[in-house]
C-alpha atoms as a PDB file:
ATOM      1  CA  MET A   1     -20.820  18.096  22.147  1.00  0.00           C
ATOM      2  CA  GLY A   2     -23.712  16.096  22.026  1.00  0.00           C
ATOM      3  CA  TRP A   3     -25.628  14.183  24.448  1.00  0.00           C
ATOM      4  CA  VAL A   4     -24.592  11.056  26.149  1.00  0.00           C
ATOM      5  CA  MET A   5     -26.566   8.287  27.686  1.00  0.00           C
ATOM      6  CA  MET A   6     -25.683   7.229  31.144  1.00  0.00           C
ATOM      7  CA  SER A   7     -26.924   4.878  33.598  1.00  0.00           C
ATOM      8  CA  GLU A   8     -27.631   5.945  37.136  1.00  0.00           C
ATOM      9  CA  ARG A   9     -24.268   4.095  38.299  1.00  0.00           C
ATOM     10  CA  GLU A  10     -22.209   5.877  35.574  1.00  0.00           C
ATOM     11  CA  LEU A  11     -24.057   9.565  36.947  1.00  0.00           C
ATOM     12  CA  ASN A  12     -22.922   8.474  40.384  1.00  0.00           C
ATOM     13  CA  ARG A  13     -19.475   7.858  39.128  1.00  0.00           C
ATOM     14  CA  VAL A  14     -19.160  11.398  37.355  1.00  0.00           C
ATOM     15  CA  GLU A  15     -20.434  13.486  40.477  1.00  0.00           C
ATOM     16  CA  VAL A  16     -18.072  11.406  42.828  1.00  0.00           C
ATOM     17  CA  LEU A  17     -15.383  12.064  40.314  1.00  0.00           C
ATOM     18  CA  SER A  18     -16.134  15.890  40.046  1.00  0.00           C
ATOM     19  CA  GLN A  19     -15.689  16.137  43.666  1.00  0.00           C
ATOM     20  CA  VAL A  20     -12.273  14.569  43.588  1.00  0.00           C
ATOM     21  CA  VAL A  21     -11.251  16.609  40.625  1.00  0.00           C
ATOM     22  CA  ASP A  22     -12.587  20.112  42.274  1.00  0.00           C
ATOM     23  CA  GLY A  23     -10.708  18.690  45.573  1.00  0.00           C
ATOM     24  CA  ARG A  24     -13.878  18.676  47.824  1.00  0.00           C
ATOM     25  CA  ILE A  25     -13.119  14.794  48.732  1.00  0.00           C
ATOM     26  CA  ALA A  26      -9.810  12.658  48.231  1.00  0.00           C
ATOM     27  CA  SER A  27      -9.332   9.405  46.084  1.00  0.00           C
ATOM     28  CA  SER A  28      -9.429   7.186  48.911  1.00  0.00           C
ATOM     29  CA  GLU A  29     -12.641   8.450  49.884  1.00  0.00           C
ATOM     30  CA  ALA A  30     -14.020   8.249  46.540  1.00  0.00           C
ATOM     31  CA  ALA A  31     -12.814   4.715  46.021  1.00  0.00           C
ATOM     32  CA  ARG A  32     -14.840   3.552  49.200  1.00  0.00           C
ATOM     33  CA  VAL A  33     -18.091   5.656  48.114  1.00  0.00           C
ATOM     34  CA  LEU A  34     -17.746   3.732  44.641  1.00  0.00           C
ATOM     35  CA  GLY A  35     -16.852   0.556  45.952  1.00  0.00           C
ATOM     36  CA  MET A  36     -13.468   0.227  43.995  1.00  0.00           C
ATOM     37  CA  SER A  37      -9.911   0.341  44.448  1.00  0.00           C
ATOM     38  CA  ILE A  38      -7.666   3.531  44.900  1.00  0.00           C
ATOM     39  CA  ARG A  39      -5.941   2.170  41.739  1.00  0.00           C
ATOM     40  CA  GLN A  40      -9.088   2.100  39.627  1.00  0.00           C
ATOM     41  CA  VAL A  41     -10.299   5.565  40.567  1.00  0.00           C
ATOM     42  CA  GLN A  42      -7.100   6.886  39.609  1.00  0.00           C
ATOM     43  CA  ARG A  43      -7.577   5.505  36.275  1.00  0.00           C
ATOM     44  CA  LEU A  44     -10.767   6.503  36.072  1.00  0.00           C
ATOM     45  CA  LEU A  45      -9.640  10.125  37.025  1.00  0.00           C
ATOM     46  CA  VAL A  46      -7.084  10.399  34.014  1.00  0.00           C
ATOM     47  CA  ARG A  47      -9.542   9.231  31.823  1.00  0.00           C
ATOM     48  CA  PHE A  48     -12.138  11.648  33.229  1.00  0.00           C
ATOM     49  CA  ARG A  49      -9.921  14.838  33.170  1.00  0.00           C
ATOM     50  CA  ARG A  50      -8.819  13.681  29.599  1.00  0.00           C
ATOM     51  CA  ASP A  51     -12.158  13.151  27.834  1.00  0.00           C
ATOM     52  CA  GLY A  52     -14.840  14.510  29.959  1.00  0.00           C
ATOM     53  CA  ALA A  53     -17.647  13.068  31.416  1.00  0.00           C
ATOM     54  CA  GLY A  54     -18.442  10.750  28.562  1.00  0.00           C
ATOM     55  CA  SER A  55     -15.127   8.360  29.312  1.00  0.00           C
ATOM     56  CA  VAL A  56     -16.847   7.160  32.626  1.00  0.00           C
ATOM     57  CA  ARG A  57     -19.322   5.261  29.894  1.00  0.00           C
ATOM     58  CA  HIS A  58     -18.623   1.475  29.699  1.00  0.00           C
ATOM     59  CA  ARG A  59     -16.639   1.351  26.603  1.00  0.00           C
ATOM     60  CA  ALA A  60     -18.339  -1.692  25.189  1.00  0.00           C
ATOM     61  CA  ARG A  61     -22.044  -0.289  25.165  1.00  0.00           C
ATOM     62  CA  GLY A  62     -23.783  -0.894  22.070  1.00  0.00           C
ATOM     63  CA  ARG A  63     -21.346  -3.480  20.886  1.00  0.00           C
ATOM     64  CA  ARG A  64     -22.272  -7.338  20.922  1.00  0.00           C
ATOM     65  CA  SER A  65     -20.824  -9.622  23.388  1.00  0.00           C
ATOM     66  CA  ASN A  66     -17.523 -11.646  22.447  1.00  0.00           C
ATOM     67  CA  ASN A  67     -19.778 -14.845  23.033  1.00  0.00           C
ATOM     68  CA  HIS A  68     -22.403 -13.649  20.475  1.00  0.00           C
ATOM     69  CA  LYS A  69     -23.324 -16.501  18.365  1.00  0.00           C
ATOM     70  CA  ASN A  70     -24.632 -15.831  14.861  1.00  0.00           C
ATOM     71  CA  ASP A  71     -28.293 -16.191  14.581  1.00  0.00           C
ATOM     72  CA  ALA A  72     -28.258 -18.868  11.763  1.00  0.00           C
ATOM     73  CA  VAL A  73     -26.069 -21.113  14.002  1.00  0.00           C
ATOM     74  CA  ARG A  74     -28.708 -20.720  17.118  1.00  0.00           C
ATOM     75  CA  ASP A  75     -31.425 -21.446  14.787  1.00  0.00           C
ATOM     76  CA  TYR A  76     -29.764 -24.343  13.348  1.00  0.00           C
ATOM     77  CA  ALA A  77     -29.143 -25.735  17.044  1.00  0.00           C
ATOM     78  CA  LEU A  78     -32.879 -24.932  17.862  1.00  0.00           C
ATOM     79  CA  ALA A  79     -33.995 -26.820  14.834  1.00  0.00           C
ATOM     80  CA  LEU A  80     -31.797 -30.077  15.563  1.00  0.00           C
ATOM     81  CA  ILE A  81     -33.260 -30.064  19.292  1.00  0.00           C
ATOM     82  CA  ARG A  82     -36.654 -29.836  17.863  1.00  0.00           C
ATOM     83  CA  GLU A  83     -36.111 -33.078  15.567  1.00  0.00           C
ATOM     84  CA  SER A  84     -33.614 -34.921  17.976  1.00  0.00           C
ATOM     85  CA  TYR A  85     -33.829 -33.854  21.198  1.00  0.00           C
ATOM     86  CA  ALA A  86     -37.226 -32.170  21.973  1.00  0.00           C
ATOM     87  CA  ASP A  87     -37.739 -33.998  25.245  1.00  0.00           C
ATOM     88  CA  PHE A  88     -33.944 -32.937  26.849  1.00  0.00           C
ATOM     89  CA  GLY A  89     -33.462 -30.320  29.161  1.00  0.00           C
ATOM     90  CA  PRO A  90     -31.336 -27.509  28.000  1.00  0.00           C
ATOM     91  CA  THR A  91     -28.123 -28.518  29.628  1.00  0.00           C
ATOM     92  CA  LEU A  92     -28.387 -32.018  28.163  1.00  0.00           C
ATOM     93  CA  ALA A  93     -29.341 -30.741  24.836  1.00  0.00           C
ATOM     94  CA  THR A  94     -26.297 -28.718  24.543  1.00  0.00           C
ATOM     95  CA  GLU A  95     -23.904 -31.316  25.490  1.00  0.00           C
ATOM     96  CA  LYS A  96     -25.600 -33.577  22.652  1.00  0.00           C
ATOM     97  CA  LEU A  97     -25.337 -30.926  20.454  1.00  0.00           C
ATOM     98  CA  ALA A  98     -21.607 -30.423  21.089  1.00  0.00           C
ATOM     99  CA  GLU A  99     -21.079 -34.269  20.838  1.00  0.00           C
ATOM    100  CA  ASP A 100     -22.754 -35.200  18.169  1.00  0.00           C
ATOM    101  CA  HIS A 101     -22.839 -32.234  15.881  1.00  0.00           C
ATOM    102  CA  GLY A 102     -19.908 -29.965  16.982  1.00  0.00           C
ATOM    103  CA  LEU A 103     -22.169 -27.115  17.937  1.00  0.00           C
ATOM    104  CA  LYS A 104     -20.884 -25.058  20.980  1.00  0.00           C
ATOM    105  CA  VAL A 105     -24.055 -23.363  22.282  1.00  0.00           C
ATOM    106  CA  SER A 106     -24.494 -21.592  25.975  1.00  0.00           C
ATOM    107  CA  TRP A 107     -27.134 -23.630  28.119  1.00  0.00           C
ATOM    108  CA  GLU A 108     -28.742 -20.159  28.982  1.00  0.00           C
ATOM    109  CA  ALA A 109     -28.948 -18.927  25.448  1.00  0.00           C
ATOM    110  CA  LEU A 110     -30.498 -22.370  24.280  1.00  0.00           C
ATOM    111  CA  ARG A 111     -33.222 -21.765  27.187  1.00  0.00           C
ATOM    112  CA  ARG A 112     -34.027 -18.630  26.290  1.00  0.00           C
ATOM    113  CA  ARG A 113     -34.582 -19.224  22.737  1.00  0.00           C
ATOM    114  CA  ARG A 114     -36.643 -22.263  23.406  1.00  0.00           C
ATOM    115  CA  PHE A 115     -38.652 -20.237  25.892  1.00  0.00           C
ATOM    116  CA  ALA A 116     -39.009 -17.395  23.803  1.00  0.00           C
ATOM    117  CA  SER A 117     -40.143 -19.804  20.517  1.00  0.00           C
ATOM    118  CA  GLY A 118     -42.347 -21.854  22.480  1.00  0.00           C
END
């Protein structure tokens, strides 16, 4: 088995789940320590016993968000804003893009892009 990159939180989960598997602590105590429900700890334990420590990692790691917009769409939206809505704030600019051009872009993503591009 190869190396598996994990966050500090995931490493903590592996340690606590290992203690549950070894019988040193109960599932209810693990749930309290991890800040989850007992049922969620039981689901994690099933995966942990079946697939090992790597199963604790978030399964969407390395994938794009479901809300990800194509870079070309974002660039087009920025170009429209530069042309027509340069003095608008991010919220009003996204509302105008949706209303006038049918483009749905998150105001937060737009704000970050505008800040990054100057």
